[in-house]
Amino acid sequence: MLSEETQERLVENLVGRVEQLNIEIITEIGKQIKYIGTLTPSQAHKLAQILLYGENVNWIARRLSEVTRLSVREIYQILKQTAIENQEFARQFYEARKIDFIPYEKNRLLQKQVEAIAKVTANRYRNIMNSTAYVLDGKLVPLNKIYTEVVDKAILSVSQGKESYQVAMRKTMNELVNAGMRVRVDKNGNPTGTRIVDYKSGLSRRADTAIRMNTLEGIRTTSNELQRQFGEEYGSDGVEISAHEHPAPDHENIQGHQYSNEKFEKLNSELERPISTLNCYHYIFNIVLGVSKPQYTQEQLDKIKKENHDGFTYQGKHYTLYEGTQLQRHIETQVRQLKDKHIMARAMEDTETVGNCQRKITQLTHKYRELSNISGLKAKMNRMTVSGYRRVKV
């Protein structure tokens, strides 16, 4: 099965493309804000009349299409790799039952099943990209309109004087980068998949979060569906739950154990967050009890649990290792947002905001390293990387 580290690396490739698109958009908007700020009101209105920004709208649409096409192709490869590793795990049980094992490359039926799951995952990704938007004046504005909306607002603000213009544009910048690129979702949290028409309504989540959730859900679905199918073929009578370090409290006593099918179905149905759902990194392996040796001994599982609860003390407060990872994720998000703002402010030549952002980035990066060193948790500096960001001296 794909390791948690491998899954994160594969998912980050998809997220990285969207984050790069976000940087390109906010940089271009920042440049236009700077340019409009140099115009007189009459010059700004002439700019509006000739629709200078039309080509930029076309550019955004082309880049959105390109990002979607590349990522959909990669989703198929990710799920194929997931299927191959799951089938290799199942090989031992086919051999134990003396049942023919057909490798993935020759198993057309299995390939079609994986392709069907990949198609669903890819369509969900397309829905995400079709629903992308930014927040402006408290409303969701789709990607194909955000450029013109901001430019129109900038042109209107020029007539109110340079000082008012700067205040208005800083507010716009803060809205765009603090909320980040968003995805319009329904009441169940699923991407709507439709272009945003009603600007006022607006359940949404960050685009990077939506993409991570969708891709990991595709990996889990592929793994669990194939495990179930393989289990039926070789007569599985039980399951084993994967295990990982610093697990969430609701799953720490369950992970790493083997259960009969009946016992697991009862246990999983009683959980508020069933195994392998809702951002859970655990996987369900269908096994033959008595044939499959547990991947973890009870001693190893007890050690994982003890180390998690022993945790660490940071700034006078005790945290479990799981809680420490949540602190890390929070700081990583803050730093990425600040780097987005730093990039846009630099494009606007707003040196004051650039300096303020740089100081906060430096402080948070120091805090992140300190937290990681004290807790012993791995520092994932790549999660704070933003293409186009360049540190400045302040």
Protein backbone atom coordinates (compact mmCIF):
# COMPACT_ATOMS: atom_id res chain seq x y z
CA MET A 1 0.00 0.00 0.00
CA LEU A 2 1.18 3.54 -0.69
CA SER A 3 2.85 5.01 2.37
CA GLU A 4 1.47 8.18 3.93
CA GLU A 5 4.59 10.01 2.74
CA THR A 6 4.11 8.77 -0.84
CA GLN A 7 0.45 9.75 -0.82
CA GLU A 8 1.31 13.25 0.36
CA ARG A 9 3.95 13.62 -2.35
CA LEU A 10 1.53 12.55 -5.08
CA VAL A 11 -1.23 14.82 -3.78
CA GLU A 12 1.13 17.79 -3.46
CA ASN A 13 1.88 17.54 -7.18
CA LEU A 14 -1.80 18.22 -7.91
CA VAL A 15 -2.12 20.91 -5.25
CA GLY A 16 1.07 22.57 -6.49
CA ARG A 17 -0.41 23.18 -9.94
CA VAL A 18 -3.42 24.98 -8.52
CA GLU A 19 -1.27 26.99 -6.11
CA GLN A 20 0.93 28.03 -9.04
CA LEU A 21 -2.17 29.18 -10.93
CA ASN A 22 -3.24 31.14 -7.86
CA ILE A 23 0.16 32.89 -7.71
CA GLU A 24 0.01 33.76 -11.40
CA ILE A 25 -3.47 35.27 -11.02
CA ILE A 26 -2.77 37.36 -7.90
CA THR A 27 0.56 38.55 -9.36
CA GLU A 28 -1.14 39.74 -12.54
CA ILE A 29 -3.90 41.43 -10.53
CA GLY A 30 -1.26 43.09 -8.33
CA LYS A 31 0.53 44.48 -11.39
CA GLN A 32 -2.71 45.94 -12.73
CA ILE A 33 -3.55 47.50 -9.36
CA LYS A 34 -0.11 49.16 -9.33
CA TYR A 35 -0.57 50.42 -12.91
CA ILE A 36 -4.08 51.77 -12.35
CA GLY A 37 -2.84 53.59 -9.25
CA THR A 38 -0.54 55.68 -11.46
CA LEU A 39 -3.43 56.90 -13.64
CA THR A 40 -5.61 59.96 -13.32
CA PRO A 41 -9.38 59.32 -13.04
CA SER A 42 -9.92 60.22 -16.71
CA GLN A 43 -7.13 57.91 -17.84
CA ALA A 44 -8.55 55.11 -15.71
CA HIS A 45 -12.00 55.48 -17.29
CA LYS A 46 -10.43 55.36 -20.75
CA LEU A 47 -8.78 52.12 -19.71
CA ALA A 48 -12.18 50.71 -18.77
CA GLN A 49 -13.62 51.74 -22.11
CA ILE A 50 -11.01 49.92 -24.20
CA LEU A 51 -11.25 46.74 -22.03
CA LEU A 52 -7.51 46.35 -21.77
CA TYR A 53 -7.94 43.37 -19.50
CA GLY A 54 -9.81 41.12 -21.93
CA GLU A 55 -6.74 39.10 -22.90
CA ASN A 56 -5.95 38.40 -19.25
CA VAL A 57 -9.37 36.79 -18.80
CA ASN A 58 -8.64 34.51 -21.77
CA TRP A 59 -5.25 33.67 -20.29
CA ILE A 60 -6.80 32.62 -16.98
CA ALA A 61 -9.28 30.35 -18.78
CA ARG A 62 -6.48 28.72 -20.80
CA ARG A 63 -4.33 28.10 -17.72
CA LEU A 64 -7.32 26.66 -15.82
CA SER A 65 -7.94 24.24 -18.67
CA GLU A 66 -4.27 23.26 -18.83
CA VAL A 67 -4.02 22.61 -15.08
CA THR A 68 -7.17 20.48 -15.19
CA ARG A 69 -5.95 18.42 -18.16
CA LEU A 70 -2.54 17.66 -16.62
CA SER A 71 -3.97 16.78 -13.20
CA VAL A 72 -6.71 14.49 -14.55
CA ARG A 73 -4.03 12.51 -16.42
CA GLU A 74 -2.01 12.22 -13.21
CA ILE A 75 -5.03 11.05 -11.18
CA TYR A 76 -5.32 7.98 -13.45
CA GLN A 77 -1.64 7.16 -12.86
CA ILE A 78 -1.93 7.57 -9.07
CA LEU A 79 -4.88 5.18 -8.85
CA LYS A 80 -3.20 2.66 -11.16
CA GLN A 81 -0.18 2.64 -8.84
CA THR A 82 -2.51 2.20 -5.86
CA ALA A 83 -4.18 -0.80 -7.52
CA ILE A 84 -0.89 -2.52 -8.35
CA GLU A 85 0.38 -2.22 -4.77
CA ASN A 86 -2.91 -3.52 -3.36
CA GLN A 87 -2.86 -6.49 -5.68
CA GLU A 88 0.70 -7.33 -4.67
CA PHE A 89 -0.39 -7.38 -1.02
CA ALA A 90 -3.21 -9.78 -1.93
CA ARG A 91 -0.93 -12.18 -3.84
CA GLN A 92 -0.06 -14.13 -0.65
CA PHE A 93 -3.71 -15.03 -0.06
CA TYR A 94 -4.33 -16.17 -3.63
CA GLU A 95 -1.29 -18.44 -3.31
CA ALA A 96 -2.38 -19.71 0.11
CA ARG A 97 -5.80 -20.63 -1.33
CA LYS A 98 -4.18 -22.00 -4.52
CA ILE A 99 -6.16 -19.59 -6.70
CA ASP A 100 -4.81 -18.24 -9.98
CA PHE A 101 -3.26 -14.78 -9.62
CA ILE A 102 -3.52 -12.55 -12.71
CA PRO A 103 -1.08 -9.58 -12.59
CA TYR A 104 -2.53 -6.12 -13.12
CA GLU A 105 -1.00 -5.63 -16.57
CA LYS A 106 -2.81 -8.75 -17.83
CA ASN A 107 -5.98 -8.35 -15.77
CA ARG A 108 -8.30 -6.39 -18.07
CA LEU A 109 -11.27 -6.71 -15.70
CA LEU A 110 -9.27 -5.18 -12.87
CA GLN A 111 -8.01 -2.41 -15.15
CA LYS A 112 -11.57 -1.50 -16.13
CA GLN A 113 -12.59 -1.34 -12.48
CA VAL A 114 -9.70 1.00 -11.63
CA GLU A 115 -10.48 3.13 -14.67
CA ALA A 116 -14.09 3.48 -13.48
CA ILE A 117 -12.97 4.69 -10.03
CA ALA A 118 -10.42 7.01 -11.64
CA LYS A 119 -13.12 8.46 -13.88
CA VAL A 120 -15.25 9.32 -10.84
CA THR A 121 -12.25 10.89 -9.06
CA ALA A 122 -11.27 12.82 -12.20
CA ASN A 123 -14.82 14.12 -12.64
CA ARG A 124 -14.84 15.33 -9.04
CA TYR A 125 -11.58 17.13 -9.75
CA ARG A 126 -13.15 18.79 -12.79
CA ASN A 127 -16.07 19.83 -10.57
CA ILE A 128 -13.59 21.43 -8.18
CA MET A 129 -11.90 23.37 -10.95
CA ASN A 130 -15.25 24.44 -12.42
CA SER A 131 -16.25 25.80 -9.00
CA THR A 132 -13.10 27.78 -8.20
CA ALA A 133 -13.52 31.37 -7.01
CA TYR A 134 -12.06 34.14 -4.87
CA VAL A 135 -13.71 36.18 -2.14
CA LEU A 136 -14.24 39.85 -2.99
CA ASP A 137 -16.40 42.22 -0.92
CA GLY A 138 -17.60 39.20 1.05
CA LYS A 139 -18.92 37.37 -2.03
CA LEU A 140 -17.62 34.48 -4.11
CA VAL A 141 -16.42 35.61 -7.53
CA PRO A 142 -15.45 32.93 -10.10
CA LEU A 143 -12.01 32.83 -11.70
CA ASN A 144 -13.31 33.95 -15.07
CA LYS A 145 -14.63 37.18 -13.51
CA ILE A 146 -12.24 37.97 -10.65
CA TYR A 147 -9.74 39.86 -12.81
CA THR A 148 -12.31 42.21 -14.31
CA GLU A 149 -14.07 42.65 -10.95
CA VAL A 150 -10.86 43.77 -9.23
CA VAL A 151 -9.83 46.04 -12.12
CA ASP A 152 -13.28 47.65 -12.19
CA LYS A 153 -13.05 48.22 -8.44
CA ALA A 154 -9.56 49.73 -8.81
CA ILE A 155 -10.69 52.08 -11.57
CA LEU A 156 -13.61 53.27 -9.44
CA SER A 157 -11.31 53.79 -6.43
CA VAL A 158 -8.85 55.99 -8.35
CA SER A 159 -11.33 58.86 -8.37
CA GLN A 160 -11.38 58.84 -4.56
CA GLY A 161 -7.71 59.89 -4.26
CA LYS A 162 -4.40 58.11 -3.81
CA GLU A 163 -4.77 57.50 -0.07
CA SER A 164 -8.26 56.03 -0.39
CA TYR A 165 -7.08 53.97 -3.37
CA GLN A 166 -4.29 52.38 -1.34
CA VAL A 167 -6.63 51.56 1.54
CA ALA A 168 -9.21 50.02 -0.81
CA MET A 169 -6.64 47.96 -2.71
CA ARG A 170 -5.01 46.67 0.48
CA LYS A 171 -8.43 45.51 1.62
CA THR A 172 -8.91 43.78 -1.73
CA MET A 173 -5.50 42.13 -1.44
CA ASN A 174 -6.28 40.89 2.07
CA GLU A 175 -9.57 39.35 0.94
CA LEU A 176 -8.02 37.59 -2.04
CA VAL A 177 -5.06 36.07 -0.21
CA ASN A 178 -6.51 35.43 3.25
CA ALA A 179 -9.38 33.31 1.96
CA GLY A 180 -7.27 31.93 -0.89
CA MET A 181 -8.61 30.29 -4.00
CA ARG A 182 -11.94 28.77 -2.99
CA VAL A 183 -14.26 26.03 -4.23
CA ARG A 184 -18.03 26.48 -4.16
CA VAL A 185 -19.58 23.55 -2.26
CA ASP A 186 -23.08 22.35 -1.43
CA LYS A 187 -24.46 21.82 2.08
CA ASN A 188 -22.74 18.41 2.24
CA GLY A 189 -19.35 19.91 1.41
CA ASN A 190 -19.21 18.55 -2.16
CA PRO A 191 -18.02 20.80 -5.03
CA THR A 192 -21.02 22.04 -7.00
CA GLY A 193 -19.26 21.57 -10.32
CA THR A 194 -21.06 24.55 -11.82
CA ARG A 195 -19.89 28.04 -12.64
CA ILE A 196 -20.84 30.49 -9.93
CA VAL A 197 -23.76 32.68 -10.91
CA ASP A 198 -25.22 33.67 -7.56
CA TYR A 199 -22.44 35.73 -5.99
CA LYS A 200 -24.24 36.17 -2.67
CA SER A 201 -24.52 32.55 -1.76
CA GLY A 202 -21.62 30.95 -0.71
CA LEU A 203 -20.58 27.82 1.10
CA SER A 204 -16.97 27.20 0.14
CA ARG A 205 -13.66 25.66 1.17
CA ARG A 206 -10.06 26.26 0.15
CA ALA A 207 -9.20 24.76 -3.25
CA ASP A 208 -6.05 23.04 -1.95
CA THR A 209 -8.09 21.37 0.81
CA ALA A 210 -10.74 20.20 -1.68
CA ILE A 211 -8.11 18.74 -4.02
CA ARG A 212 -6.31 16.92 -1.21
CA MET A 213 -9.57 15.46 0.09
CA ASN A 214 -10.72 14.39 -3.37
CA THR A 215 -7.44 12.71 -4.35
CA LEU A 216 -7.01 10.90 -1.03
CA GLU A 217 -10.64 9.78 -1.25
CA GLY A 218 -9.87 8.35 -4.70
CA ILE A 219 -6.85 6.46 -3.33
CA ARG A 220 -8.89 5.13 -0.39
CA THR A 221 -11.80 4.11 -2.61
CA THR A 222 -9.48 2.29 -5.01
CA SER A 223 -7.70 0.50 -2.17
CA ASN A 224 -10.80 -0.48 -0.22
CA GLU A 225 -12.87 -1.51 -3.24
CA LEU A 226 -10.10 -3.69 -4.61
CA GLN A 227 -9.35 -5.19 -1.20
CA ARG A 228 -13.02 -6.10 -0.87
CA GLN A 229 -13.06 -7.64 -4.35
CA PHE A 230 -9.83 -9.58 -3.81
CA GLY A 231 -11.16 -10.76 -0.44
CA GLU A 232 -14.29 -12.17 -2.04
CA GLU A 233 -12.17 -14.02 -4.62
CA TYR A 234 -9.84 -15.71 -2.12
CA GLY A 235 -12.39 -16.11 0.68
CA SER A 236 -11.30 -13.47 3.16
CA ASP A 237 -12.75 -13.93 6.64
CA GLY A 238 -11.22 -10.89 8.32
CA VAL A 239 -9.57 -7.48 7.98
CA GLU A 240 -6.47 -5.75 9.27
CA ILE A 241 -6.41 -1.99 9.85
CA SER A 242 -3.21 -0.22 8.88
CA ALA A 243 -1.33 1.77 11.53
CA HIS A 244 0.64 5.00 11.56
CA GLU A 245 2.37 7.27 14.07
CA HIS A 246 0.52 9.88 16.16
CA PRO A 247 -3.02 8.78 15.20
CA ALA A 248 -6.18 10.72 15.96
CA PRO A 249 -7.82 9.81 19.31
CA ASP A 250 -10.86 8.11 17.76
CA HIS A 251 -8.76 5.54 15.87
CA GLU A 252 -5.69 4.95 18.03
CA ASN A 253 -7.11 1.87 19.82
CA ILE A 254 -8.34 0.32 16.57
CA GLN A 255 -5.36 0.69 14.25
CA GLY A 256 -3.01 -2.19 13.57
CA HIS A 257 -5.41 -4.90 14.76
CA GLN A 258 -7.04 -7.80 12.95
CA TYR A 259 -10.78 -8.43 13.19
CA SER A 260 -13.25 -10.94 11.85
CA ASN A 261 -15.49 -9.47 9.17
CA GLU A 262 -18.51 -9.50 11.50
CA LYS A 263 -16.68 -7.84 14.39
CA PHE A 264 -15.21 -5.14 12.16
CA GLU A 265 -18.54 -4.30 10.52
CA LYS A 266 -20.09 -3.82 13.97
CA LEU A 267 -17.12 -1.80 15.27
CA ASN A 268 -16.91 0.46 12.21
CA SER A 269 -20.67 1.15 12.16
CA GLU A 270 -20.45 2.47 15.72
CA LEU A 271 -17.69 4.99 14.95
CA GLU A 272 -18.66 8.61 14.37
CA ARG A 273 -15.84 8.73 11.80
CA PRO A 274 -15.62 5.27 10.16
CA ILE A 275 -12.20 3.92 9.27
CA SER A 276 -10.81 5.17 5.95
CA THR A 277 -13.29 8.04 5.60
CA LEU A 278 -13.31 11.79 6.32
CA ASN A 279 -9.59 12.50 5.99
CA CYS A 280 -8.54 9.28 7.74
CA TYR A 281 -5.22 7.83 6.60
CA HIS A 282 -6.03 4.27 7.69
CA TYR A 283 -6.66 1.50 5.18
CA ILE A 284 -8.63 -1.72 5.40
CA PHE A 285 -6.84 -4.88 4.26
CA ASN A 286 -8.93 -7.99 3.62
CA ILE A 287 -7.04 -10.98 5.02
CA VAL A 288 -7.35 -14.68 5.81
CA LEU A 289 -7.22 -15.03 9.59
CA GLY A 290 -4.43 -17.37 10.63
CA VAL A 291 -2.59 -16.88 7.32
CA SER A 292 -1.75 -13.20 7.51
CA LYS A 293 0.69 -12.28 10.26
CA PRO A 294 -0.17 -8.84 11.78
CA GLN A 295 2.08 -6.12 10.41
CA TYR A 296 2.48 -4.69 13.93
CA THR A 297 2.98 -6.47 17.25
CA GLN A 298 0.98 -5.34 20.27
CA GLU A 299 4.23 -4.04 21.75
CA GLN A 300 4.78 -1.82 18.70
CA LEU A 301 1.21 -0.50 18.82
CA ASP A 302 1.51 0.22 22.55
CA LYS A 303 4.73 2.14 21.86
CA ILE A 304 3.05 4.27 19.18
CA LYS A 305 0.19 5.06 21.58
CA LYS A 306 2.50 5.85 24.51
CA GLU A 307 4.76 8.13 22.47
CA ASN A 308 1.70 9.94 21.13
CA HIS A 309 0.30 10.58 24.61
CA ASP A 310 3.65 11.39 26.18
CA GLY A 311 3.84 14.12 23.57
CA PHE A 312 5.70 17.30 24.47
CA THR A 313 5.37 20.59 26.30
CA TYR A 314 5.43 23.78 24.26
CA GLN A 315 5.08 27.30 25.66
CA GLY A 316 3.91 25.91 28.99
CA LYS A 317 1.21 23.60 27.56
CA HIS A 318 1.22 19.82 27.01
CA TYR A 319 0.33 18.44 23.57
CA THR A 320 0.01 14.93 22.18
CA LEU A 321 2.01 14.30 19.01
CA TYR A 322 -1.26 14.26 17.07
CA GLU A 323 -2.09 17.72 18.41
CA GLY A 324 1.43 18.79 17.47
CA THR A 325 0.83 17.83 13.83
CA GLN A 326 -2.32 19.98 13.86
CA LEU A 327 -0.27 22.93 15.15
CA GLN A 328 2.21 22.33 12.33
CA ARG A 329 -0.55 22.30 9.68
CA HIS A 330 -1.95 25.56 11.09
CA ILE A 331 1.41 27.34 10.92
CA GLU A 332 2.06 25.98 7.41
CA THR A 333 -1.25 27.46 6.21
CA GLN A 334 -0.48 30.82 7.83
CA VAL A 335 2.95 30.99 6.18
CA ARG A 336 1.56 30.11 2.73
CA GLN A 337 -1.08 32.83 3.06
CA LEU A 338 1.53 35.39 4.08
CA LYS A 339 3.77 34.42 1.16
CA ASP A 340 0.80 34.86 -1.21
CA LYS A 341 0.23 38.32 0.22
CA HIS A 342 3.97 39.07 0.02
CA ILE A 343 3.98 38.18 -3.70
CA MET A 344 0.89 40.24 -4.50
CA ALA A 345 2.14 43.22 -2.47
CA ARG A 346 5.46 43.10 -4.30
CA ALA A 347 3.63 43.13 -7.63
CA MET A 348 1.71 46.20 -6.36
CA GLU A 349 5.02 47.73 -5.14
CA ASP A 350 3.47 48.08 -1.69
CA THR A 351 6.75 48.00 0.24
CA GLU A 352 5.11 48.52 3.63
CA THR A 353 2.96 45.39 3.26
CA VAL A 354 5.90 43.41 1.86
CA GLY A 355 7.95 44.30 4.95
CA ASN A 356 5.15 43.44 7.37
CA CYS A 357 4.61 40.09 5.65
CA GLN A 358 8.31 39.28 5.69
CA ARG A 359 8.59 39.91 9.42
CA LYS A 360 5.61 37.65 10.14
CA ILE A 361 6.93 34.93 7.80
CA THR A 362 10.29 34.99 9.57
CA GLN A 363 8.64 34.82 13.00
CA LEU A 364 6.33 31.94 12.04
CA THR A 365 9.11 29.99 10.33
CA HIS A 366 11.20 30.28 13.49
CA LYS A 367 8.19 29.15 15.54
CA TYR A 368 7.64 26.19 13.21
CA ARG A 369 11.24 25.03 13.50
CA GLU A 370 11.16 25.47 17.28
CA LEU A 371 7.90 23.49 17.55
CA SER A 372 9.27 20.70 15.34
CA ASN A 373 12.55 20.48 17.29
CA ILE A 374 10.85 20.40 20.70
CA SER A 375 8.18 17.90 19.66
CA GLY A 376 10.45 15.69 17.59
CA LEU A 377 7.92 15.83 14.74
CA LYS A 378 9.27 15.95 11.21
CA ALA A 379 9.37 19.48 9.82
CA LYS A 380 7.72 19.53 6.40
CA MET A 381 9.23 22.71 5.04
CA ASN A 382 7.93 21.89 1.54
CA ARG A 383 4.41 22.56 2.84
CA MET A 384 5.38 26.22 3.30
CA THR A 385 6.96 26.58 -0.14
CA VAL A 386 5.22 29.03 -2.47
CA SER A 387 6.48 29.46 -6.02
CA GLY A 388 7.45 33.06 -6.74
CA TYR A 389 8.17 34.01 -3.13
CA ARG A 390 11.54 35.69 -2.53
CA ARG A 391 12.71 36.66 0.92
CA VAL A 392 13.55 40.35 1.38
CA LYS A 393 15.65 42.09 4.01
CA VAL A 394 13.68 44.17 6.51
